[in-house]
Structures are given as C-alpha cells and as structure tokens.
C-alpha atoms as a PDB file:
ATOM      1  CA  MET A   1       0.000   0.000   0.000  1.00  0.00           C
ATOM      2  CA  ARG A   2       2.851   2.350   0.855  1.00  0.00           C
ATOM      3  CA  VAL A   3       4.507   1.784  -2.534  1.00  0.00           C
ATOM      4  CA  LEU A   4       1.223   2.494  -4.298  1.00  0.00           C
ATOM      5  CA  ARG A   5       0.789   5.733  -2.353  1.00  0.00           C
ATOM      6  CA  GLY A   6       4.352   6.716  -3.239  1.00  0.00           C
ATOM      7  CA  LEU A   7       3.816   6.060  -6.936  1.00  0.00           C
ATOM      8  CA  LEU A   8       0.545   7.960  -6.924  1.00  0.00           C
ATOM      9  CA  GLY A   9       2.259  10.843  -5.119  1.00  0.00           C
ATOM     10  CA  ALA A  10       5.084  10.897  -7.666  1.00  0.00           C
ATOM     11  CA  LEU A  11       2.626  10.884 -10.567  1.00  0.00           C
ATOM     12  CA  LEU A  12       0.617  13.680  -8.964  1.00  0.00           C
ATOM     13  CA  TRP A  13       3.860  15.614  -8.381  1.00  0.00           C
ATOM     14  CA  ILE A  14       4.658  15.436 -12.117  1.00  0.00           C
ATOM     15  CA  VAL A  15       1.128  16.526 -13.079  1.00  0.00           C
ATOM     16  CA  ALA A  16       1.298  19.420 -10.619  1.00  0.00           C
ATOM     17  CA  GLY A  17       4.660  20.488 -12.036  1.00  0.00           C
ATOM     18  CA  LEU A  18       3.372  20.502 -15.588  1.00  0.00           C
ATOM     19  CA  LEU A  19       0.228  22.353 -14.550  1.00  0.00           C
ATOM     20  CA  GLY A  20       2.357  24.915 -12.717  1.00  0.00           C
ATOM     21  CA  LEU A  21       4.506  25.418 -15.789  1.00  0.00           C
ATOM     22  CA  VAL A  22       1.441  25.943 -17.991  1.00  0.00           C
ATOM     23  CA  SER A  23      -0.031  28.367 -15.467  1.00  0.00           C
ATOM     24  CA  LEU A  24       3.183  30.402 -15.381  1.00  0.00           C
ATOM     25  CA  ILE A  25       3.165  30.636 -19.174  1.00  0.00           C
ATOM     26  CA  LEU A  26      -0.468  31.777 -19.042  1.00  0.00           C
ATOM     27  CA  CYS A  27       0.406  34.372 -16.394  1.00  0.00           C
ATOM     28  CA  VAL A  28       3.109  35.851 -18.635  1.00  0.00           C
ATOM     29  CA  THR A  29       0.570  36.626 -21.303  1.00  0.00           C
ATOM     30  CA  VAL A  30      -1.489  39.438 -19.833  1.00  0.00           C
ATOM     31  CA  ILE A  31      -4.677  38.480 -21.672  1.00  0.00           C
ATOM     32  CA  LEU A  32      -4.699  34.945 -20.195  1.00  0.00           C
ATOM     33  CA  LEU A  33      -3.780  36.068 -16.656  1.00  0.00           C
ATOM     34  CA  PRO A  34      -7.285  35.286 -15.273  1.00  0.00           C
ATOM     35  CA  LEU A  35      -6.786  31.670 -16.352  1.00  0.00           C
ATOM     36  CA  GLY A  36      -3.216  31.413 -15.087  1.00  0.00           C
ATOM     37  CA  ILE A  37      -3.841  32.439 -11.480  1.00  0.00           C
ATOM     38  CA  PRO A  38      -6.481  29.767 -10.664  1.00  0.00           C
ATOM     39  CA  LEU A  39      -4.377  27.113 -12.421  1.00  0.00           C
ATOM     40  CA  PHE A  40      -1.377  28.138 -10.334  1.00  0.00           C
ATOM     41  CA  ARG A  41      -3.436  27.772  -7.136  1.00  0.00           C
ATOM     42  CA  LEU A  42      -4.609  24.351  -8.310  1.00  0.00           C
ATOM     43  CA  SER A  43      -1.052  23.231  -8.992  1.00  0.00           C
ATOM     44  CA  LYS A  44      -0.034  24.420  -5.520  1.00  0.00           C
ATOM     45  CA  ALA A  45      -2.822  22.346  -3.962  1.00  0.00           C
ATOM     46  CA  LEU A  46      -1.801  19.330  -6.048  1.00  0.00           C
ATOM     47  CA  PHE A  47       1.790  19.665  -4.834  1.00  0.00           C
ATOM     48  CA  GLY A  48       0.557  19.615  -1.240  1.00  0.00           C
ATOM     49  CA  THR A  49      -1.564  16.532  -1.877  1.00  0.00           C
ATOM     50  CA  ALA A  50       1.348  14.784  -3.575  1.00  0.00           C
ATOM     51  CA  VAL A  51       3.638  15.450  -0.625  1.00  0.00           C
ATOM     52  CA  ARG A  52       1.017  14.159   1.837  1.00  0.00           C
ATOM     53  CA  LEU A  53       0.686  10.989  -0.212  1.00  0.00           C
ATOM     54  CA  MET A  54       4.431  10.369  -0.126  1.00  0.00           C
ATOM     55  CA  LEU A  55       4.846  10.977   3.611  1.00  0.00           C
ATOM     56  CA  PRO A  56       4.039   8.382   6.284  1.00  0.00           C
ATOM     57  CA  GLN A  57       0.566   8.578   7.843  1.00  0.00           C
ATOM     58  CA  ALA A  58       1.881   9.881  11.195  1.00  0.00           C
ATOM     59  CA  VAL A  59       3.621  12.820   9.523  1.00  0.00           C
ATOM     60  CA  ALA A  60       0.921  13.600   6.962  1.00  0.00           C
ATOM     61  CA  HIS A  61      -1.966  13.597   9.473  1.00  0.00           C
ATOM     62  CA  PRO A  62      -0.519  14.009  12.998  1.00  0.00           C
ATOM     63  CA  VAL A  63      -3.857  14.795  14.658  1.00  0.00           C
ATOM     64  CA  LYS A  64      -5.532  11.663  13.311  1.00  0.00           C
ATOM     65  CA  HIS A  65      -2.526   9.594  14.335  1.00  0.00           C
ATOM     66  CA  VAL A  66      -2.576  10.940  17.902  1.00  0.00           C
ATOM     67  CA  GLN A  67      -6.322  10.325  18.177  1.00  0.00           C
ATOM     68  CA  LYS A  68      -5.805   6.687  17.168  1.00  0.00           C
ATOM     69  CA  LYS A  69      -3.050   6.223  19.727  1.00  0.00           C
ATOM     70  CA  ALA A  70      -5.099   7.940  22.441  1.00  0.00           C
ATOM     71  CA  GLY A  71      -8.079   5.715  21.694  1.00  0.00           C
ATOM     72  CA  LYS A  72      -5.899   2.634  22.222  1.00  0.00           C
ATOM     73  CA  ALA A  73      -4.469   3.969  25.494  1.00  0.00           C
ATOM     74  CA  LYS A  74      -7.803   4.953  27.062  1.00  0.00           C
ATOM     75  CA  SER A  75      -8.054   1.805  29.163  1.00  0.00           C
ATOM     76  CA  GLY A  76      -4.999   2.608  31.336  1.00  0.00           C
ATOM     77  CA  ARG A  77      -5.630   6.330  31.469  1.00  0.00           C
ATOM     78  CA  PRO A  78      -7.725   6.789  34.676  1.00  0.00           C
ATOM     79  CA  GLU A  79      -5.060   5.223  36.893  1.00  0.00           C
ATOM     80  CA  ILE A  80      -2.375   7.451  35.423  1.00  0.00           C
ATOM     81  CA  VAL A  81      -4.500  10.573  35.946  1.00  0.00           C
ATOM     82  CA  GLU A  82      -5.296   9.631  39.543  1.00  0.00           C
ATOM     83  CA  LYS A  83      -1.641   8.977  40.286  1.00  0.00           C
ATOM     84  CA  ALA A  84      -0.586  12.320  38.764  1.00  0.00           C
ATOM     85  CA  THR A  85      -3.342  14.119  40.713  1.00  0.00           C
ATOM     86  CA  ARG A  86      -2.201  12.617  44.016  1.00  0.00           C
ATOM     87  CA  LYS A  87       1.401  13.508  43.255  1.00  0.00           C
ATOM     88  CA  GLY A  88       0.428  17.090  42.359  1.00  0.00           C
ATOM     89  CA  ARG A  89      -1.574  17.560  45.560  1.00  0.00           C
ATOM     90  CA  LYS A  90       1.313  16.240  47.616  1.00  0.00           C
ATOM     91  CA  LEU A  91       3.752  18.652  45.970  1.00  0.00           C
ATOM     92  CA  ALA A  92       1.324  21.555  46.440  1.00  0.00           C
ATOM     93  CA  ARG A  93       1.029  20.777  50.170  1.00  0.00           C
ATOM     94  CA  LYS A  94       4.815  20.772  50.499  1.00  0.00           C
ATOM     95  CA  GLN A  95       5.059  24.119  48.707  1.00  0.00           C
ATOM     96  CA  ARG A  96       2.428  25.681  51.005  1.00  0.00           C
ATOM     97  CA  GLU A  97       4.357  24.537  54.061  1.00  0.00           C
ATOM     98  CA  ARG A  98       7.523  26.240  52.791  1.00  0.00           C
ATOM     99  CA  VAL A  99       5.885  29.607  52.076  1.00  0.00           C
ATOM    100  CA  PRO A 100       5.905  31.870  55.168  1.00  0.00           C
ATOM    101  CA  SER A 101       2.577  33.521  56.049  1.00  0.00           C
ATOM    102  CA  PHE A 102       2.502  37.239  56.829  1.00  0.00           C
END
C-alpha cells in the first residue's frame, strides 16, 4: 500500500509540475492572466496533496494519528491521571508549608 501511495504521489507531483509550468506561461501573457492564477493555485494544492501521499501517515496527518493512539491507550488512562493528581496535591502541600505567612 505504501509503494502504491508513493507512486501515486510521484505521478501527482509530475502533473502538478506541468500544470504549474502551464499556469506560469499563461500568467506571462497578460490576456490569459485570469486563467493562469487559478491554475497556479490548483497546482499548488496538487503539490501539497502529492507530498502528503508520499509521507508516512503519522507525519501527513498528525492529529488523526494521535487520536488513534489515544483511543488505544484509554483503558490505562484513569489510573495514570489519579496517580498524577495525588502527586500534584502532595507537591502543592509541600510548597504551602515552605511559604511563610505574613
């Protein structure tokens, strides 16, 4: 699957490059400038899509990747939160004892 995504990304990269070249040529001719600007934006979007296809899933979509990992770790989460809460309260009590009252 990863090889297929890489090949599709490379093909899309080539298409985006050619489309960008055509859009730059259209932008040089003043009469066709209204056609060149939207084509340039489209080629820019295609470049971004091509890069996301070539990157690993964790780099391309970090939020989705973190949500998947968090969903898997939910079962052990309450104990960790309770332990951190107890530790934080204990440290706060120690800090209050050190601060002199006026």
